[in-house]
């Protein structure tokens, strides 16, 4: 059984780690910022704590599965993330925000399950990924577009084909407009 002190540590750590990721998003003025990421991480941690507590309470008396509640967190975050994704014309926005919420839920589940090293490492990797790759993305020129237009014409023998093969090929079917005079 997890002690009350351990519950306090896990819930607090989930808020801190969710806050670290949320701070990065907030500093870039993204829709899911500090509070959203903290709440997602805290909520998923709490669900994991409840899941393991329920399992420990009924262990051996039923076929309870502590992973079921955690799986519901992943599904629920999928709906939350889908709400963050917007499409306007050819532009899609919110994918990074949705992915960030999904990872933050995973961090919360890891903390709730007592996997502190995994949660700390994941938080650090997310923070570096969001920060460093955003700067690299700004360096890449996005305004360079290439327009390629392909024009086609009906199939018919050209002059070079006529010179090489002595006229058009009678075994090929051509329309009246395609036949050479």
C-alpha atoms as a PDB file:
ATOM      1  CA  UNK A   1       0.000   0.000   0.000  1.00  0.00           C
ATOM      2  CA  UNK A   2       1.294   3.445  -0.925  1.00  0.00           C
ATOM      3  CA  UNK A   3       1.762   5.725   2.087  1.00  0.00           C
ATOM      4  CA  UNK A   4       0.127   9.144   2.349  1.00  0.00           C
ATOM      5  CA  UNK A   5       3.562  10.746   2.105  1.00  0.00           C
ATOM      6  CA  UNK A   6       4.254   8.859  -1.113  1.00  0.00           C
ATOM      7  CA  UNK A   7       0.883   9.984  -2.511  1.00  0.00           C
ATOM      8  CA  UNK A   8       1.775  13.592  -1.663  1.00  0.00           C
ATOM      9  CA  UNK A   9       5.176  13.260  -3.344  1.00  0.00           C
ATOM     10  CA  UNK A  10       3.719  11.684  -6.476  1.00  0.00           C
ATOM     11  CA  UNK A  11       0.943  14.231  -6.905  1.00  0.00           C
ATOM     12  CA  UNK A  12       3.314  17.145  -6.264  1.00  0.00           C
ATOM     13  CA  UNK A  13       5.940  15.772  -8.633  1.00  0.00           C
ATOM     14  CA  UNK A  14       3.325  15.296 -11.354  1.00  0.00           C
ATOM     15  CA  UNK A  15       2.321  18.967 -10.992  1.00  0.00           C
ATOM     16  CA  UNK A  16       5.951  20.073 -11.180  1.00  0.00           C
ATOM     17  CA  UNK A  17       6.761  17.954 -14.233  1.00  0.00           C
ATOM     18  CA  UNK A  18       3.542  18.923 -16.013  1.00  0.00           C
ATOM     19  CA  UNK A  19       4.360  22.531 -15.130  1.00  0.00           C
ATOM     20  CA  UNK A  20       7.832  22.309 -16.676  1.00  0.00           C
ATOM     21  CA  UNK A  21       6.363  21.162 -19.967  1.00  0.00           C
ATOM     22  CA  UNK A  22       3.454  23.581 -19.666  1.00  0.00           C
ATOM     23  CA  UNK A  23       5.830  26.485 -19.042  1.00  0.00           C
ATOM     24  CA  UNK A  24       7.540  25.865 -22.360  1.00  0.00           C
ATOM     25  CA  UNK A  25       4.171  25.824 -24.149  1.00  0.00           C
ATOM     26  CA  UNK A  26       2.956  28.909 -22.271  1.00  0.00           C
ATOM     27  CA  UNK A  27       6.126  30.844 -23.147  1.00  0.00           C
ATOM     28  CA  UNK A  28       5.353  30.241 -26.834  1.00  0.00           C
ATOM     29  CA  UNK A  29       1.736  31.343 -26.328  1.00  0.00           C
ATOM     30  CA  UNK A  30       0.270  27.967 -27.268  1.00  0.00           C
ATOM     31  CA  UNK A  31      -3.317  27.030 -26.445  1.00  0.00           C
ATOM     32  CA  UNK A  32      -2.474  24.296 -23.915  1.00  0.00           C
ATOM     33  CA  UNK A  33      -0.125  26.055 -21.533  1.00  0.00           C
ATOM     34  CA  UNK A  34       0.997  25.822 -17.931  1.00  0.00           C
ATOM     35  CA  UNK A  35      -2.314  25.098 -16.209  1.00  0.00           C
ATOM     36  CA  UNK A  36      -3.602  22.657 -18.821  1.00  0.00           C
ATOM     37  CA  UNK A  37      -0.430  20.564 -18.785  1.00  0.00           C
ATOM     38  CA  UNK A  38      -0.267  20.600 -14.986  1.00  0.00           C
ATOM     39  CA  UNK A  39      -3.880  19.469 -14.717  1.00  0.00           C
ATOM     40  CA  UNK A  40      -3.499  16.704 -17.302  1.00  0.00           C
ATOM     41  CA  UNK A  41      -0.385  15.398 -15.554  1.00  0.00           C
ATOM     42  CA  UNK A  42      -1.966  15.643 -12.095  1.00  0.00           C
ATOM     43  CA  UNK A  43      -5.182  13.968 -13.244  1.00  0.00           C
ATOM     44  CA  UNK A  44      -3.425  11.057 -14.911  1.00  0.00           C
ATOM     45  CA  UNK A  45      -1.217  10.598 -11.841  1.00  0.00           C
ATOM     46  CA  UNK A  46      -4.287  10.528  -9.625  1.00  0.00           C
ATOM     47  CA  UNK A  47      -6.013   7.965 -11.870  1.00  0.00           C
ATOM     48  CA  UNK A  48      -2.922   5.748 -11.705  1.00  0.00           C
ATOM     49  CA  UNK A  49      -2.767   6.043  -7.918  1.00  0.00           C
ATOM     50  CA  UNK A  50      -6.448   5.122  -7.635  1.00  0.00           C
ATOM     51  CA  UNK A  51      -6.012   2.255 -10.074  1.00  0.00           C
ATOM     52  CA  UNK A  52      -3.158   0.695  -8.107  1.00  0.00           C
ATOM     53  CA  UNK A  53      -4.972   1.255  -4.802  1.00  0.00           C
ATOM     54  CA  UNK A  54      -8.120  -0.435  -6.064  1.00  0.00           C
ATOM     55  CA  UNK A  55      -6.066  -3.329  -7.403  1.00  0.00           C
ATOM     56  CA  UNK A  56      -4.230  -3.766  -4.099  1.00  0.00           C
ATOM     57  CA  UNK A  57      -7.585  -3.787  -2.298  1.00  0.00           C
ATOM     58  CA  UNK A  58      -9.042  -6.612  -4.367  1.00  0.00           C
ATOM     59  CA  UNK A  59      -5.898  -8.502  -5.355  1.00  0.00           C
ATOM     60  CA  UNK A  60      -6.448 -12.255  -5.310  1.00  0.00           C
ATOM     61  CA  UNK A  61     -10.225 -11.955  -4.934  1.00  0.00           C
ATOM     62  CA  UNK A  62     -11.022 -10.913  -8.477  1.00  0.00           C
ATOM     63  CA  UNK A  63      -9.398 -10.629 -11.855  1.00  0.00           C
ATOM     64  CA  UNK A  64      -9.034  -6.836 -11.611  1.00  0.00           C
ATOM     65  CA  UNK A  65      -6.576  -5.205 -13.974  1.00  0.00           C
ATOM     66  CA  UNK A  66      -4.825  -2.017 -12.807  1.00  0.00           C
ATOM     67  CA  UNK A  67      -4.008  -1.085 -16.406  1.00  0.00           C
ATOM     68  CA  UNK A  68      -7.656  -0.540 -17.328  1.00  0.00           C
ATOM     69  CA  UNK A  69      -7.935   2.906 -15.772  1.00  0.00           C
ATOM     70  CA  UNK A  70      -4.592   3.922 -17.272  1.00  0.00           C
ATOM     71  CA  UNK A  71      -5.859   2.837 -20.683  1.00  0.00           C
ATOM     72  CA  UNK A  72      -8.887   5.078 -20.214  1.00  0.00           C
ATOM     73  CA  UNK A  73      -6.579   8.030 -19.564  1.00  0.00           C
ATOM     74  CA  UNK A  74      -4.909   7.438 -22.914  1.00  0.00           C
ATOM     75  CA  UNK A  75      -8.308   7.287 -24.660  1.00  0.00           C
ATOM     76  CA  UNK A  76      -9.564  10.388 -22.881  1.00  0.00           C
ATOM     77  CA  UNK A  77      -6.453  12.363 -23.752  1.00  0.00           C
ATOM     78  CA  UNK A  78      -7.004  11.344 -27.376  1.00  0.00           C
ATOM     79  CA  UNK A  79     -10.323  13.198 -27.321  1.00  0.00           C
ATOM     80  CA  UNK A  80      -8.780  16.195 -25.574  1.00  0.00           C
ATOM     81  CA  UNK A  81      -5.947  16.280 -28.095  1.00  0.00           C
ATOM     82  CA  UNK A  82      -8.349  15.972 -31.021  1.00  0.00           C
ATOM     83  CA  UNK A  83     -10.031  19.141 -29.798  1.00  0.00           C
ATOM     84  CA  UNK A  84      -6.700  20.961 -30.017  1.00  0.00           C
ATOM     85  CA  UNK A  85      -6.165  20.085 -33.704  1.00  0.00           C
ATOM     86  CA  UNK A  86      -7.574  22.588 -36.190  1.00  0.00           C
ATOM     87  CA  UNK A  87      -7.551  22.567 -39.989  1.00  0.00           C
ATOM     88  CA  UNK A  88      -7.812  25.742 -42.025  1.00  0.00           C
ATOM     89  CA  UNK A  89      -7.421  25.153 -45.756  1.00  0.00           C
ATOM     90  CA  UNK A  90      -4.158  23.279 -46.265  1.00  0.00           C
ATOM     91  CA  UNK A  91      -2.801  24.250 -42.841  1.00  0.00           C
ATOM     92  CA  UNK A  92      -3.143  21.984 -39.813  1.00  0.00           C
ATOM     93  CA  UNK A  93      -2.397  23.449 -36.385  1.00  0.00           C
ATOM     94  CA  UNK A  94      -2.380  21.999 -32.903  1.00  0.00           C
ATOM     95  CA  UNK A  95      -0.626  18.712 -33.620  1.00  0.00           C
ATOM     96  CA  UNK A  96       2.280  19.514 -31.302  1.00  0.00           C
ATOM     97  CA  UNK A  97      -0.145  20.651 -28.602  1.00  0.00           C
ATOM     98  CA  UNK A  98      -2.107  17.404 -28.900  1.00  0.00           C
ATOM     99  CA  UNK A  99       1.086  15.322 -28.795  1.00  0.00           C
ATOM    100  CA  UNK A 100       2.313  17.310 -25.818  1.00  0.00           C
ATOM    101  CA  UNK A 101      -0.903  16.614 -23.890  1.00  0.00           C
ATOM    102  CA  UNK A 102      -0.549  12.928 -24.689  1.00  0.00           C
ATOM    103  CA  UNK A 103       3.040  12.826 -23.410  1.00  0.00           C
ATOM    104  CA  UNK A 104       2.121  14.808 -20.295  1.00  0.00           C
ATOM    105  CA  UNK A 105      -0.567  12.222 -19.522  1.00  0.00           C
ATOM    106  CA  UNK A 106       2.091   9.526 -19.877  1.00  0.00           C
ATOM    107  CA  UNK A 107       4.365  11.422 -17.491  1.00  0.00           C
ATOM    108  CA  UNK A 108       1.533  11.598 -14.975  1.00  0.00           C
ATOM    109  CA  UNK A 109       0.854   7.881 -15.304  1.00  0.00           C
ATOM    110  CA  UNK A 110       4.563   7.153 -14.808  1.00  0.00           C
ATOM    111  CA  UNK A 111       4.726   9.287 -11.656  1.00  0.00           C
ATOM    112  CA  UNK A 112       1.502   7.729 -10.367  1.00  0.00           C
ATOM    113  CA  UNK A 113       2.978   4.278 -10.931  1.00  0.00           C
ATOM    114  CA  UNK A 114       6.183   5.234  -9.104  1.00  0.00           C
ATOM    115  CA  UNK A 115       8.424   5.323 -12.184  1.00  0.00           C
ATOM    116  CA  UNK A 116      10.167   8.572 -11.269  1.00  0.00           C
ATOM    117  CA  UNK A 117      13.242   8.112 -13.443  1.00  0.00           C
ATOM    118  CA  UNK A 118      11.145   7.495 -16.547  1.00  0.00           C
ATOM    119  CA  UNK A 119       8.947  10.504 -15.762  1.00  0.00           C
ATOM    120  CA  UNK A 120      11.922  12.810 -15.163  1.00  0.00           C
ATOM    121  CA  UNK A 121      13.708  11.630 -18.287  1.00  0.00           C
ATOM    122  CA  UNK A 122      10.567  11.982 -20.426  1.00  0.00           C
ATOM    123  CA  UNK A 123       9.970  15.497 -19.099  1.00  0.00           C
ATOM    124  CA  UNK A 124      13.531  16.521 -19.886  1.00  0.00           C
ATOM    125  CA  UNK A 125      13.335  15.051 -23.368  1.00  0.00           C
ATOM    126  CA  UNK A 126      10.022  16.782 -24.072  1.00  0.00           C
ATOM    127  CA  UNK A 127      11.375  20.119 -22.842  1.00  0.00           C
ATOM    128  CA  UNK A 128      14.502  19.829 -24.980  1.00  0.00           C
ATOM    129  CA  UNK A 129      12.522  18.586 -27.987  1.00  0.00           C
ATOM    130  CA  UNK A 130      10.026  21.425 -27.841  1.00  0.00           C
ATOM    131  CA  UNK A 131      12.694  24.057 -27.215  1.00  0.00           C
ATOM    132  CA  UNK A 132      15.531  22.968 -29.483  1.00  0.00           C
ATOM    133  CA  UNK A 133      13.473  21.747 -32.404  1.00  0.00           C
ATOM    134  CA  UNK A 134      11.357  24.895 -32.378  1.00  0.00           C
ATOM    135  CA  UNK A 135      14.508  26.962 -32.868  1.00  0.00           C
ATOM    136  CA  UNK A 136      15.698  24.689 -35.674  1.00  0.00           C
ATOM    137  CA  UNK A 137      12.258  24.906 -37.276  1.00  0.00           C
ATOM    138  CA  UNK A 138      12.500  28.730 -37.265  1.00  0.00           C
ATOM    139  CA  UNK A 139      15.812  28.575 -39.163  1.00  0.00           C
ATOM    140  CA  UNK A 140      14.312  26.500 -41.956  1.00  0.00           C
ATOM    141  CA  UNK A 141      12.781  28.650 -44.682  1.00  0.00           C
ATOM    142  CA  UNK A 142       9.131  27.765 -45.098  1.00  0.00           C
ATOM    143  CA  UNK A 143       8.369  30.346 -47.802  1.00  0.00           C
ATOM    144  CA  UNK A 144      10.244  28.580 -50.590  1.00  0.00           C
ATOM    145  CA  UNK A 145       7.617  26.845 -52.668  1.00  0.00           C
ATOM    146  CA  UNK A 146       8.136  25.150 -56.000  1.00  0.00           C
ATOM    147  CA  UNK A 147       5.309  24.992 -58.479  1.00  0.00           C
ATOM    148  CA  UNK A 148       5.526  22.173 -60.968  1.00  0.00           C
ATOM    149  CA  UNK A 149       3.058  22.137 -63.824  1.00  0.00           C
ATOM    150  CA  UNK A 150       2.878  19.179 -66.189  1.00  0.00           C
ATOM    151  CA  UNK A 151       1.141  19.543 -69.546  1.00  0.00           C
ATOM    152  CA  UNK A 152       0.181  16.439 -71.489  1.00  0.00           C
ATOM    153  CA  UNK A 153      -1.030  16.014 -75.043  1.00  0.00           C
ATOM    154  CA  UNK A 154      -2.759  13.165 -76.817  1.00  0.00           C
ATOM    155  CA  UNK A 155      -0.517  10.298 -77.835  1.00  0.00           C
ATOM    156  CA  UNK A 156       0.468  10.500 -81.503  1.00  0.00           C
ATOM    157  CA  UNK A 157       3.678   9.955 -83.377  1.00  0.00           C
ATOM    158  CA  UNK A 158       5.922  12.992 -83.619  1.00  0.00           C
ATOM    159  CA  UNK A 159       8.149  13.975 -86.549  1.00  0.00           C
ATOM    160  CA  UNK A 160      11.223  12.226 -85.091  1.00  0.00           C
ATOM    161  CA  UNK A 161       9.253   8.984 -84.817  1.00  0.00           C
ATOM    162  CA  UNK A 162       8.134   9.349 -88.438  1.00  0.00           C
ATOM    163  CA  UNK A 163      11.698   9.833 -89.714  1.00  0.00           C
ATOM    164  CA  UNK A 164      13.041   6.881 -87.710  1.00  0.00           C
ATOM    165  CA  UNK A 165      10.263   4.440 -88.560  1.00  0.00           C
ATOM    166  CA  UNK A 166       9.145   5.641 -91.975  1.00  0.00           C
ATOM    167  CA  UNK A 167       5.766   7.095 -91.157  1.00  0.00           C
ATOM    168  CA  UNK A 168       3.215   6.303 -88.546  1.00  0.00           C
ATOM    169  CA  UNK A 169       2.626   2.818 -87.229  1.00  0.00           C
ATOM    170  CA  UNK A 170      -0.473   1.265 -88.825  1.00  0.00           C
ATOM    171  CA  UNK A 171      -0.907  -1.231 -85.966  1.00  0.00           C
ATOM    172  CA  UNK A 172      -1.521   1.576 -83.475  1.00  0.00           C
ATOM    173  CA  UNK A 173      -4.999   3.005 -83.253  1.00  0.00           C
ATOM    174  CA  UNK A 174      -5.219   6.752 -83.793  1.00  0.00           C
ATOM    175  CA  UNK A 175      -8.187   9.022 -83.997  1.00  0.00           C
ATOM    176  CA  UNK A 176      -8.883  10.994 -87.172  1.00  0.00           C
ATOM    177  CA  UNK A 177      -7.130  14.011 -85.720  1.00  0.00           C
ATOM    178  CA  UNK A 178      -4.100  11.935 -84.773  1.00  0.00           C
ATOM    179  CA  UNK A 179      -3.467  10.369 -88.184  1.00  0.00           C
ATOM    180  CA  UNK A 180      -0.644  11.966 -90.114  1.00  0.00           C
ATOM    181  CA  UNK A 181      -1.243  13.206 -93.615  1.00  0.00           C
END
